[in-house]
């Protein structure tokens, strides 16, 4: 996998949601993400249904489970959380959560 690269560029529409969690906000593409135990990414869709994902050893997470848009995401680690403030309609998280941020995202998805 290529951490930080928009997931749909290789996987197309295989995943309803996919991205990479990083330790800091401005990591470059293809740089491994957070490799820590206990991180969760909780997706809450428009029906208030939650999907909990666990990033792998390079920080990548994904799910093929259908989501009702718009949705938000919360990253939790070590008893702390950081949440999206703007609901989204695309699940290719790395397309906005780039090294410098795009489309209003501040940068990478990060540990709280």
PDB file of N, CA and C in Angstrom:
ATOM      1  N   UNK A   1       0.844  -1.183   0.000  1.00  0.00           N
ATOM      2  CA  UNK A   1       0.000   0.000   0.000  1.00  0.00           C
ATOM      3  C   UNK A   1       0.883   1.238   0.000  1.00  0.00           C
ATOM      4  N   UNK A   2       0.343   2.318  -0.452  1.00  0.00           N
ATOM      5  CA  UNK A   2       1.091   3.569  -0.530  1.00  0.00           C
ATOM      6  C   UNK A   2       0.459   4.592   0.416  1.00  0.00           C
ATOM      7  N   UNK A   3       0.894   4.604   1.683  1.00  0.00           N
ATOM      8  CA  UNK A   3       0.298   5.508   2.667  1.00  0.00           C
ATOM      9  C   UNK A   3       0.287   6.953   2.186  1.00  0.00           C
ATOM     10  N   UNK A   4      -0.828   7.621   2.431  1.00  0.00           N
ATOM     11  CA  UNK A   4      -0.961   9.026   2.082  1.00  0.00           C
ATOM     12  C   UNK A   4      -1.464   9.300   0.685  1.00  0.00           C
ATOM     13  N   UNK A   5      -1.302   8.349  -0.214  1.00  0.00           N
ATOM     14  CA  UNK A   5      -1.756   8.517  -1.599  1.00  0.00           C
ATOM     15  C   UNK A   5      -3.271   8.275  -1.625  1.00  0.00           C
ATOM     16  N   UNK A   6      -4.027   9.060  -2.410  1.00  0.00           N
ATOM     17  CA  UNK A   6      -5.465   8.796  -2.492  1.00  0.00           C
ATOM     18  C   UNK A   6      -5.732   7.326  -2.837  1.00  0.00           C
ATOM     19  N   UNK A   7      -6.498   6.672  -1.996  1.00  0.00           N
ATOM     20  CA  UNK A   7      -6.704   5.230  -2.105  1.00  0.00           C
ATOM     21  C   UNK A   7      -7.375   4.833  -3.417  1.00  0.00           C
ATOM     22  N   UNK A   8      -8.301   5.672  -3.892  1.00  0.00           N
ATOM     23  CA  UNK A   8      -9.024   5.355  -5.130  1.00  0.00           C
ATOM     24  C   UNK A   8      -8.111   5.364  -6.343  1.00  0.00           C
ATOM     25  N   UNK A   9      -6.940   5.989  -6.249  1.00  0.00           N
ATOM     26  CA  UNK A   9      -6.037   6.011  -7.404  1.00  0.00           C
ATOM     27  C   UNK A   9      -5.557   4.604  -7.758  1.00  0.00           C
ATOM     28  N   UNK A  10      -5.512   3.703  -6.801  1.00  0.00           N
ATOM     29  CA  UNK A  10      -5.148   2.299  -7.065  1.00  0.00           C
ATOM     30  C   UNK A  10      -6.344   1.355  -6.918  1.00  0.00           C
ATOM     31  N   UNK A  11      -7.183   1.621  -5.921  1.00  0.00           N
ATOM     32  CA  UNK A  11      -8.258   0.690  -5.578  1.00  0.00           C
ATOM     33  C   UNK A  11      -9.593   1.028  -6.212  1.00  0.00           C
ATOM     34  N   UNK A  12      -9.691   2.159  -6.928  1.00  0.00           N
ATOM     35  CA  UNK A  12     -10.963   2.550  -7.530  1.00  0.00           C
ATOM     36  C   UNK A  12     -12.040   2.691  -6.485  1.00  0.00           C
ATOM     37  N   UNK A  13     -13.191   2.100  -6.723  1.00  0.00           N
ATOM     38  CA  UNK A  13     -14.310   2.217  -5.789  1.00  0.00           C
ATOM     39  C   UNK A  13     -14.438   0.991  -4.882  1.00  0.00           C
ATOM     40  N   UNK A  14     -13.362   0.250  -4.708  1.00  0.00           N
ATOM     41  CA  UNK A  14     -13.378  -0.957  -3.874  1.00  0.00           C
ATOM     42  C   UNK A  14     -13.790  -0.654  -2.435  1.00  0.00           C
ATOM     43  N   UNK A  15     -13.347   0.508  -1.908  1.00  0.00           N
ATOM     44  CA  UNK A  15     -13.633   0.860  -0.519  1.00  0.00           C
ATOM     45  C   UNK A  15     -14.653   1.980  -0.442  1.00  0.00           C
ATOM     46  N   UNK A  16     -15.546   1.895   0.541  1.00  0.00           N
ATOM     47  CA  UNK A  16     -16.468   2.999   0.814  1.00  0.00           C
ATOM     48  C   UNK A  16     -15.722   4.113   1.543  1.00  0.00           C
ATOM     49  N   UNK A  17     -14.725   3.713   2.334  1.00  0.00           N
ATOM     50  CA  UNK A  17     -13.895   4.685   3.043  1.00  0.00           C
ATOM     51  C   UNK A  17     -12.507   4.104   3.217  1.00  0.00           C
ATOM     52  N   UNK A  18     -11.492   4.962   3.067  1.00  0.00           N
ATOM     53  CA  UNK A  18     -10.103   4.524   3.229  1.00  0.00           C
ATOM     54  C   UNK A  18      -9.217   5.744   3.407  1.00  0.00           C
ATOM     55  N   UNK A  19      -8.167   5.580   4.210  1.00  0.00           N
ATOM     56  CA  UNK A  19      -7.232   6.673   4.441  1.00  0.00           C
ATOM     57  C   UNK A  19      -6.043   6.211   5.256  1.00  0.00           C
ATOM     58  N   UNK A  20      -5.264   7.177   5.726  1.00  0.00           N
ATOM     59  CA  UNK A  20      -4.059   6.901   6.503  1.00  0.00           C
ATOM     60  C   UNK A  20      -4.013   7.829   7.706  1.00  0.00           C
ATOM     61  N   UNK A  21      -3.708   7.273   8.875  1.00  0.00           N
ATOM     62  CA  UNK A  21      -3.512   8.064  10.092  1.00  0.00           C
ATOM     63  C   UNK A  21      -2.014   8.276  10.278  1.00  0.00           C
ATOM     64  N   UNK A  22      -1.629   9.517  10.530  1.00  0.00           N
ATOM     65  CA  UNK A  22      -0.221   9.888  10.705  1.00  0.00           C
ATOM     66  C   UNK A  22       0.047  10.452  12.094  1.00  0.00           C
ATOM     67  N   UNK A  23       1.322  10.445  12.517  1.00  0.00           N
ATOM     68  CA  UNK A  23       1.654  11.046  13.809  1.00  0.00           C
ATOM     69  C   UNK A  23       1.683  12.578  13.759  1.00  0.00           C
ATOM     70  N   UNK A  24       1.926  13.163  12.576  1.00  0.00           N
ATOM     71  CA  UNK A  24       1.946  14.619  12.436  1.00  0.00           C
ATOM     72  C   UNK A  24       1.167  15.028  11.194  1.00  0.00           C
ATOM     73  N   UNK A  25       0.825  16.297  11.100  1.00  0.00           N
ATOM     74  CA  UNK A  25      -0.119  16.783  10.106  1.00  0.00           C
ATOM     75  C   UNK A  25       0.426  16.923   8.685  1.00  0.00           C
ATOM     76  N   UNK A  26       1.731  16.991   8.495  1.00  0.00           N
ATOM     77  CA  UNK A  26       2.259  17.305   7.168  1.00  0.00           C
ATOM     78  C   UNK A  26       3.268  16.277   6.652  1.00  0.00           C
ATOM     79  N   UNK A  27       2.975  15.000   6.862  1.00  0.00           N
ATOM     80  CA  UNK A  27       3.835  13.914   6.395  1.00  0.00           C
ATOM     81  C   UNK A  27       3.737  13.784   4.871  1.00  0.00           C
ATOM     82  N   UNK A  28       4.858  13.433   4.207  1.00  0.00           N
ATOM     83  CA  UNK A  28       4.827  13.266   2.749  1.00  0.00           C
ATOM     84  C   UNK A  28       4.141  11.963   2.331  1.00  0.00           C
ATOM     85  N   UNK A  29       3.712  11.903   1.058  1.00  0.00           N
ATOM     86  CA  UNK A  29       3.161  10.671   0.499  1.00  0.00           C
ATOM     87  C   UNK A  29       4.171   9.538   0.625  1.00  0.00           C
ATOM     88  N   UNK A  30       3.639   8.341   0.772  1.00  0.00           N
ATOM     89  CA  UNK A  30       4.415   7.101   0.846  1.00  0.00           C
ATOM     90  C   UNK A  30       5.280   6.993   2.099  1.00  0.00           C
ATOM     91  N   UNK A  31       5.092   7.904   3.033  1.00  0.00           N
ATOM     92  CA  UNK A  31       5.764   7.826   4.330  1.00  0.00           C
ATOM     93  C   UNK A  31       4.826   7.036   5.244  1.00  0.00           C
ATOM     94  N   UNK A  32       5.336   5.973   5.882  1.00  0.00           N
ATOM     95  CA  UNK A  32       4.470   5.173   6.744  1.00  0.00           C
ATOM     96  C   UNK A  32       3.780   6.045   7.777  1.00  0.00           C
ATOM     97  N   UNK A  33       2.518   5.720   8.042  1.00  0.00           N
ATOM     98  CA  UNK A  33       1.740   6.446   9.028  1.00  0.00           C
ATOM     99  C   UNK A  33       1.982   5.919  10.422  1.00  0.00           C
ATOM    100  N   UNK A  34       1.046   6.167  11.309  1.00  0.00           N
ATOM    101  CA  UNK A  34       1.164   5.801  12.718  1.00  0.00           C
ATOM    102  C   UNK A  34       1.130   4.285  12.884  1.00  0.00           C
ATOM    103  N   UNK A  35       2.170   3.735  13.482  1.00  0.00           N
ATOM    104  CA  UNK A  35       2.249   2.300  13.775  1.00  0.00           C
ATOM    105  C   UNK A  35       2.181   2.136  15.284  1.00  0.00           C
ATOM    106  N   UNK A  36       0.974   2.322  15.825  1.00  0.00           N
ATOM    107  CA  UNK A  36       0.767   2.204  17.265  1.00  0.00           C
ATOM    108  C   UNK A  36      -0.474   1.358  17.524  1.00  0.00           C
ATOM    109  N   UNK A  37      -0.493   0.696  18.637  1.00  0.00           N
ATOM    110  CA  UNK A  37      -1.631  -0.121  19.031  1.00  0.00           C
ATOM    111  C   UNK A  37      -2.654   0.749  19.748  1.00  0.00           C
ATOM    112  N   UNK A  38      -3.908   0.500  19.493  1.00  0.00           N
ATOM    113  CA  UNK A  38      -4.967   1.185  20.216  1.00  0.00           C
ATOM    114  C   UNK A  38      -5.614   2.346  19.487  1.00  0.00           C
ATOM    115  N   UNK A  39      -5.239   2.572  18.231  1.00  0.00           N
ATOM    116  CA  UNK A  39      -5.862   3.639  17.446  1.00  0.00           C
ATOM    117  C   UNK A  39      -7.155   3.111  16.834  1.00  0.00           C
ATOM    118  N   UNK A  40      -8.206   3.913  16.890  1.00  0.00           N
ATOM    119  CA  UNK A  40      -9.429   3.570  16.176  1.00  0.00           C
ATOM    120  C   UNK A  40      -9.877   4.778  15.358  1.00  0.00           C
ATOM    121  N   UNK A  41     -10.509   4.483  14.243  1.00  0.00           N
ATOM    122  CA  UNK A  41     -11.141   5.496  13.404  1.00  0.00           C
ATOM    123  C   UNK A  41     -12.618   5.123  13.385  1.00  0.00           C
ATOM    124  N   UNK A  42     -13.445   5.994  13.938  1.00  0.00           N
ATOM    125  CA  UNK A  42     -14.880   5.724  14.007  1.00  0.00           C
ATOM    126  C   UNK A  42     -15.593   6.622  13.008  1.00  0.00           C
ATOM    127  N   UNK A  43     -16.259   5.997  12.063  1.00  0.00           N
ATOM    128  CA  UNK A  43     -17.024   6.698  11.039  1.00  0.00           C
ATOM    129  C   UNK A  43     -18.488   6.697  11.473  1.00  0.00           C
ATOM    130  N   UNK A  44     -19.100   7.865  11.484  1.00  0.00           N
ATOM    131  CA  UNK A  44     -20.524   7.981  11.826  1.00  0.00           C
ATOM    132  C   UNK A  44     -21.253   8.531  10.611  1.00  0.00           C
ATOM    133  N   UNK A  45     -22.173   7.720  10.062  1.00  0.00           N
ATOM    134  CA  UNK A  45     -22.848   8.151   8.832  1.00  0.00           C
ATOM    135  C   UNK A  45     -24.112   8.944   9.134  1.00  0.00           C
ATOM    136  N   UNK A  46     -24.818   9.346   8.096  1.00  0.00           N
ATOM    137  CA  UNK A  46     -25.999  10.200   8.227  1.00  0.00           C
ATOM    138  C   UNK A  46     -27.127   9.547   9.017  1.00  0.00           C
ATOM    139  N   UNK A  47     -27.139   8.221   9.091  1.00  0.00           N
ATOM    140  CA  UNK A  47     -28.144   7.503   9.886  1.00  0.00           C
ATOM    141  C   UNK A  47     -27.668   7.263  11.312  1.00  0.00           C
ATOM    142  N   UNK A  48     -26.541   7.881  11.682  1.00  0.00           N
ATOM    143  CA  UNK A  48     -25.923   7.722  13.001  1.00  0.00           C
ATOM    144  C   UNK A  48     -25.421   6.294  13.237  1.00  0.00           C
ATOM    145  N   UNK A  49     -25.161   5.568  12.153  1.00  0.00           N
ATOM    146  CA  UNK A  49     -24.570   4.238  12.233  1.00  0.00           C
ATOM    147  C   UNK A  49     -23.065   4.399  12.287  1.00  0.00           C
ATOM    148  N   UNK A  50     -22.418   3.684  13.208  1.00  0.00           N
ATOM    149  CA  UNK A  50     -20.970   3.805  13.330  1.00  0.00           C
ATOM    150  C   UNK A  50     -20.259   2.576  12.790  1.00  0.00           C
ATOM    151  N   UNK A  51     -19.097   2.823  12.227  1.00  0.00           N
ATOM    152  CA  UNK A  51     -18.194   1.784  11.753  1.00  0.00           C
ATOM    153  C   UNK A  51     -16.842   2.069  12.383  1.00  0.00           C
ATOM    154  N   UNK A  52     -16.307   1.112  13.134  1.00  0.00           N
ATOM    155  CA  UNK A  52     -15.026   1.302  13.806  1.00  0.00           C
ATOM    156  C   UNK A  52     -13.946   0.558  13.053  1.00  0.00           C
ATOM    157  N   UNK A  53     -12.889   1.278  12.686  1.00  0.00           N
ATOM    158  CA  UNK A  53     -11.788   0.721  11.900  1.00  0.00           C
ATOM    159  C   UNK A  53     -10.489   0.821  12.694  1.00  0.00           C
ATOM    160  N   UNK A  54      -9.603  -0.146  12.465  1.00  0.00           N
ATOM    161  CA  UNK A  54      -8.300  -0.158  13.116  1.00  0.00           C
ATOM    162  C   UNK A  54      -7.218  -0.041  12.043  1.00  0.00           C
ATOM    163  N   UNK A  55      -6.413   1.019  12.086  1.00  0.00           N
ATOM    164  CA  UNK A  55      -5.331   1.161  11.105  1.00  0.00           C
ATOM    165  C   UNK A  55      -4.314   0.027  11.209  1.00  0.00           C
ATOM    166  N   UNK A  56      -3.701  -0.307  10.053  1.00  0.00           N
ATOM    167  CA  UNK A  56      -2.664  -1.350  10.045  1.00  0.00           C
ATOM    168  C   UNK A  56      -1.307  -0.750  10.442  1.00  0.00           C
ATOM    169  N   UNK A  57      -0.235  -1.496  10.248  1.00  0.00           N
ATOM    170  CA  UNK A  57       1.093  -1.071  10.710  1.00  0.00           C
ATOM    171  C   UNK A  57       1.691   0.110   9.963  1.00  0.00           C
ATOM    172  N   UNK A  58       1.084   0.519   8.844  1.00  0.00           N
ATOM    173  CA  UNK A  58       1.537   1.741   8.162  1.00  0.00           C
ATOM    174  C   UNK A  58       0.491   2.846   8.268  1.00  0.00           C
ATOM    175  N   UNK A  59      -0.523   2.649   9.140  1.00  0.00           N
ATOM    176  CA  UNK A  59      -1.530   3.660   9.392  1.00  0.00           C
ATOM    177  C   UNK A  59      -2.743   3.619   8.494  1.00  0.00           C
ATOM    178  N   UNK A  60      -2.775   2.701   7.521  1.00  0.00           N
ATOM    179  CA  UNK A  60      -3.897   2.638   6.580  1.00  0.00           C
ATOM    180  C   UNK A  60      -5.118   1.963   7.208  1.00  0.00           C
ATOM    181  N   UNK A  61      -6.291   2.501   6.892  1.00  0.00           N
ATOM    182  CA  UNK A  61      -7.559   1.898   7.312  1.00  0.00           C
ATOM    183  C   UNK A  61      -8.497   1.899   6.113  1.00  0.00           C
ATOM    184  N   UNK A  62      -9.451   0.957   6.102  1.00  0.00           N
ATOM    185  CA  UNK A  62     -10.420   0.922   5.005  1.00  0.00           C
ATOM    186  C   UNK A  62     -11.619   0.074   5.375  1.00  0.00           C
ATOM    187  N   UNK A  63     -12.701   0.304   4.642  1.00  0.00           N
ATOM    188  CA  UNK A  63     -13.909  -0.495   4.801  1.00  0.00           C
ATOM    189  C   UNK A  63     -14.701  -0.458   3.505  1.00  0.00           C
ATOM    190  N   UNK A  64     -15.304  -1.588   3.168  1.00  0.00           N
ATOM    191  CA  UNK A  64     -16.186  -1.675   2.006  1.00  0.00           C
ATOM    192  C   UNK A  64     -17.652  -1.525   2.401  1.00  0.00           C
ATOM    193  N   UNK A  65     -17.899  -1.421   3.714  1.00  0.00           N
ATOM    194  CA  UNK A  65     -19.266  -1.286   4.209  1.00  0.00           C
ATOM    195  C   UNK A  65     -19.879   0.022   3.693  1.00  0.00           C
ATOM    196  N   UNK A  66     -21.082  -0.078   3.123  1.00  0.00           N
ATOM    197  CA  UNK A  66     -21.751   1.105   2.581  1.00  0.00           C
ATOM    198  C   UNK A  66     -22.006   2.135   3.668  1.00  0.00           C
ATOM    199  N   UNK A  67     -21.800   3.404   3.315  1.00  0.00           N
ATOM    200  CA  UNK A  67     -22.038   4.510   4.230  1.00  0.00           C
ATOM    201  C   UNK A  67     -23.116   5.411   3.641  1.00  0.00           C
ATOM    202  N   UNK A  68     -23.981   5.924   4.514  1.00  0.00           N
ATOM    203  CA  UNK A  68     -24.976   6.903   4.094  1.00  0.00           C
ATOM    204  C   UNK A  68     -24.352   8.273   4.326  1.00  0.00           C
ATOM    205  N   UNK A  69     -24.228   9.049   3.250  1.00  0.00           N
ATOM    206  CA  UNK A  69     -23.581  10.347   3.368  1.00  0.00           C
ATOM    207  C   UNK A  69     -24.596  11.415   3.767  1.00  0.00           C
ATOM    208  N   UNK A  70     -24.095  12.479   4.410  1.00  0.00           N
ATOM    209  CA  UNK A  70     -22.701  12.742   4.754  1.00  0.00           C
ATOM    210  C   UNK A  70     -22.310  11.995   6.034  1.00  0.00           C
ATOM    211  N   UNK A  71     -21.002  11.884   6.241  1.00  0.00           N
ATOM    212  CA  UNK A  71     -20.485  11.191   7.413  1.00  0.00           C
ATOM    213  C   UNK A  71     -19.375  12.027   8.048  1.00  0.00           C
ATOM    214  N   UNK A  72     -19.024  11.668   9.277  1.00  0.00           N
ATOM    215  CA  UNK A  72     -17.892  12.286   9.964  1.00  0.00           C
ATOM    216  C   UNK A  72     -16.995  11.176  10.487  1.00  0.00           C
ATOM    217  N   UNK A  73     -15.807  11.565  10.934  1.00  0.00           N
ATOM    218  CA  UNK A  73     -14.853  10.594  11.459  1.00  0.00           C
ATOM    219  C   UNK A  73     -14.231  11.127  12.746  1.00  0.00           C
ATOM    220  N   UNK A  74     -13.917  10.203  13.647  1.00  0.00           N
ATOM    221  CA  UNK A  74     -13.224  10.523  14.887  1.00  0.00           C
ATOM    222  C   UNK A  74     -12.072   9.548  15.051  1.00  0.00           C
ATOM    223  N   UNK A  75     -10.875  10.072  15.324  1.00  0.00           N
ATOM    224  CA  UNK A  75      -9.706   9.245  15.606  1.00  0.00           C
ATOM    225  C   UNK A  75      -9.489   9.278  17.112  1.00  0.00           C
ATOM    226  N   UNK A  76      -9.360   8.082  17.703  1.00  0.00           N
ATOM    227  CA  UNK A  76      -9.160   7.972  19.148  1.00  0.00           C
ATOM    228  C   UNK A  76      -7.864   7.219  19.425  1.00  0.00           C
ATOM    229  N   UNK A  77      -7.111   7.731  20.417  1.00  0.00           N
ATOM    230  CA  UNK A  77      -5.855   7.078  20.811  1.00  0.00           C
ATOM    231  C   UNK A  77      -5.480   7.551  22.211  1.00  0.00           C
ATOM    232  N   UNK A  78      -5.123   6.619  23.050  1.00  0.00           N
ATOM    233  CA  UNK A  78      -4.690   6.918  24.425  1.00  0.00           C
ATOM    234  C   UNK A  78      -5.695   7.770  25.191  1.00  0.00           C
ATOM    235  N   UNK A  79      -6.979   7.486  25.023  1.00  0.00           N
ATOM    236  CA  UNK A  79      -8.019   8.205  25.753  1.00  0.00           C
ATOM    237  C   UNK A  79      -8.335   9.593  25.221  1.00  0.00           C
ATOM    238  N   UNK A  80      -7.715   9.980  24.107  1.00  0.00           N
ATOM    239  CA  UNK A  80      -7.974  11.285  23.498  1.00  0.00           C
ATOM    240  C   UNK A  80      -8.614  11.077  22.138  1.00  0.00           C
ATOM    241  N   UNK A  81      -9.396  12.075  21.695  1.00  0.00           N
ATOM    242  CA  UNK A  81     -10.056  11.989  20.394  1.00  0.00           C
ATOM    243  C   UNK A  81      -9.916  13.289  19.627  1.00  0.00           C
ATOM    244  N   UNK A  82      -9.929  13.157  18.311  1.00  0.00           N
ATOM    245  CA  UNK A  82      -9.979  14.310  17.415  1.00  0.00           C
ATOM    246  C   UNK A  82     -11.030  13.988  16.364  1.00  0.00           C
ATOM    247  N   UNK A  83     -11.930  14.953  16.111  1.00  0.00           N
ATOM    248  CA  UNK A  83     -13.061  14.692  15.217  1.00  0.00           C
ATOM    249  C   UNK A  83     -13.109  15.682  14.065  1.00  0.00           C
ATOM    250  N   UNK A  84     -13.662  15.218  12.956  1.00  0.00           N
ATOM    251  CA  UNK A  84     -13.930  16.089  11.812  1.00  0.00           C
ATOM    252  C   UNK A  84     -15.016  17.077  12.202  1.00  0.00           C
ATOM    253  N   UNK A  85     -14.914  18.306  11.715  1.00  0.00           N
ATOM    254  CA  UNK A  85     -15.931  19.308  12.012  1.00  0.00           C
ATOM    255  C   UNK A  85     -16.909  19.494  10.858  1.00  0.00           C
ATOM    256  N   UNK A  86     -16.535  19.019   9.674  1.00  0.00           N
ATOM    257  CA  UNK A  86     -17.390  19.179   8.496  1.00  0.00           C
ATOM    258  C   UNK A  86     -17.761  17.812   7.932  1.00  0.00           C
ATOM    259  N   UNK A  87     -19.053  17.480   7.873  1.00  0.00           N
ATOM    260  CA  UNK A  87     -19.462  16.199   7.279  1.00  0.00           C
ATOM    261  C   UNK A  87     -19.005  16.091   5.823  1.00  0.00           C
ATOM    262  N   UNK A  88     -18.684  14.873   5.410  1.00  0.00           N
ATOM    263  CA  UNK A  88     -18.121  14.613   4.086  1.00  0.00           C
ATOM    264  C   UNK A  88     -18.992  13.666   3.268  1.00  0.00           C
ATOM    265  N   UNK A  89     -18.784  13.698   1.939  1.00  0.00           N
ATOM    266  CA  UNK A  89     -19.536  12.807   1.058  1.00  0.00           C
ATOM    267  C   UNK A  89     -18.641  11.877   0.255  1.00  0.00           C
ATOM    268  N   UNK A  90     -17.321  12.024   0.364  1.00  0.00           N
ATOM    269  CA  UNK A  90     -16.407  11.109  -0.316  1.00  0.00           C
ATOM    270  C   UNK A  90     -15.574  10.366   0.719  1.00  0.00           C
ATOM    271  N   UNK A  91     -15.387   9.063   0.491  1.00  0.00           N
ATOM    272  CA  UNK A  91     -14.655   8.236   1.435  1.00  0.00           C
ATOM    273  C   UNK A  91     -13.184   8.062   1.111  1.00  0.00           C
ATOM    274  N   UNK A  92     -12.689   8.751   0.101  1.00  0.00           N
ATOM    275  CA  UNK A  92     -11.255   8.681  -0.236  1.00  0.00           C
ATOM    276  C   UNK A  92     -10.536   9.751   0.585  1.00  0.00           C
ATOM    277  N   UNK A  93     -10.336   9.452   1.858  1.00  0.00           N
ATOM    278  CA  UNK A  93      -9.852  10.435   2.836  1.00  0.00           C
ATOM    279  C   UNK A  93      -8.549  11.115   2.413  1.00  0.00           C
ATOM    280  N   UNK A  94      -7.628  10.348   1.829  1.00  0.00           N
ATOM    281  CA  UNK A  94      -6.334  10.921   1.449  1.00  0.00           C
ATOM    282  C   UNK A  94      -6.422  11.876   0.262  1.00  0.00           C
ATOM    283  N   UNK A  95      -7.583  11.948  -0.396  1.00  0.00           N
ATOM    284  CA  UNK A  95      -7.717  12.904  -1.498  1.00  0.00           C
ATOM    285  C   UNK A  95      -7.791  14.334  -0.969  1.00  0.00           C
ATOM    286  N   UNK A  96      -8.243  14.522   0.246  1.00  0.00           N
ATOM    287  CA  UNK A  96      -8.263  15.847   0.883  1.00  0.00           C
ATOM    288  C   UNK A  96      -7.186  15.965   1.963  1.00  0.00           C
ATOM    289  N   UNK A  97      -6.981  14.874   2.717  1.00  0.00           N
ATOM    290  CA  UNK A  97      -5.977  14.876   3.778  1.00  0.00           C
ATOM    291  C   UNK A  97      -4.600  14.587   3.181  1.00  0.00           C
ATOM    292  N   UNK A  98      -4.116  15.580   2.422  1.00  0.00           N
ATOM    293  CA  UNK A  98      -2.810  15.502   1.767  1.00  0.00           C
ATOM    294  C   UNK A  98      -1.748  16.113   2.685  1.00  0.00           C
ATOM    295  N   UNK A  99      -0.508  16.117   2.240  1.00  0.00           N
ATOM    296  CA  UNK A  99       0.582  16.679   3.036  1.00  0.00           C
ATOM    297  C   UNK A  99       0.275  18.122   3.448  1.00  0.00           C
ATOM    298  N   UNK A 100      -0.241  18.920   2.523  1.00  0.00           N
ATOM    299  CA  UNK A 100      -0.531  20.321   2.813  1.00  0.00           C
ATOM    300  C   UNK A 100      -2.018  20.597   3.017  1.00  0.00           C
ATOM    301  N   UNK A 101      -2.864  19.584   2.822  1.00  0.00           N
ATOM    302  CA  UNK A 101      -4.299  19.755   2.950  1.00  0.00           C
ATOM    303  C   UNK A 101      -4.913  20.251   1.652  1.00  0.00           C
ATOM    304  N   UNK A 102      -6.105  19.785   1.365  1.00  0.00           N
ATOM    305  CA  UNK A 102      -6.842  20.202   0.167  1.00  0.00           C
ATOM    306  C   UNK A 102      -8.319  20.268   0.500  1.00  0.00           C
ATOM    307  N   UNK A 103      -9.062  21.079  -0.234  1.00  0.00           N
ATOM    308  CA  UNK A 103     -10.514  21.161  -0.072  1.00  0.00           C
ATOM    309  C   UNK A 103     -10.943  21.437   1.369  1.00  0.00           C
ATOM    310  N   UNK A 104     -10.173  22.240   2.078  1.00  0.00           N
ATOM    311  CA  UNK A 104     -10.514  22.622   3.449  1.00  0.00           C
ATOM    312  C   UNK A 104      -9.919  21.744   4.536  1.00  0.00           C
ATOM    313  N   UNK A 105      -9.311  20.617   4.177  1.00  0.00           N
ATOM    314  CA  UNK A 105      -8.657  19.779   5.188  1.00  0.00           C
ATOM    315  C   UNK A 105      -7.351  20.447   5.614  1.00  0.00           C
ATOM    316  N   UNK A 106      -7.000  20.376   6.896  1.00  0.00           N
ATOM    317  CA  UNK A 106      -5.792  21.063   7.380  1.00  0.00           C
ATOM    318  C   UNK A 106      -4.486  20.350   7.033  1.00  0.00           C
ATOM    319  N   UNK A 107      -4.551  19.148   6.584  1.00  0.00           N
ATOM    320  CA  UNK A 107      -3.370  18.312   6.327  1.00  0.00           C
ATOM    321  C   UNK A 107      -3.766  16.869   6.546  1.00  0.00           C
ATOM    322  N   UNK A 108      -2.843  16.070   7.009  1.00  0.00           N
ATOM    323  CA  UNK A 108      -3.085  14.638   7.231  1.00  0.00           C
ATOM    324  C   UNK A 108      -4.078  14.371   8.355  1.00  0.00           C
ATOM    325  N   UNK A 109      -4.644  13.168   8.347  1.00  0.00           N
ATOM    326  CA  UNK A 109      -5.408  12.653   9.484  1.00  0.00           C
ATOM    327  C   UNK A 109      -4.350  12.328  10.532  1.00  0.00           C
ATOM    328  N   UNK A 110      -4.503  12.846  11.745  1.00  0.00           N
ATOM    329  CA  UNK A 110      -3.467  12.689  12.762  1.00  0.00           C
ATOM    330  C   UNK A 110      -3.990  12.063  14.046  1.00  0.00           C
ATOM    331  N   UNK A 111      -3.041  11.535  14.818  1.00  0.00           N
ATOM    332  CA  UNK A 111      -3.349  11.068  16.151  1.00  0.00           C
ATOM    333  C   UNK A 111      -3.724  12.262  17.017  1.00  0.00           C
ATOM    334  N   UNK A 112      -4.675  12.085  17.929  1.00  0.00           N
ATOM    335  CA  UNK A 112      -5.023  13.207  18.816  1.00  0.00           C
ATOM    336  C   UNK A 112      -3.892  13.508  19.809  1.00  0.00           C
TER     337      UNK A 112
END
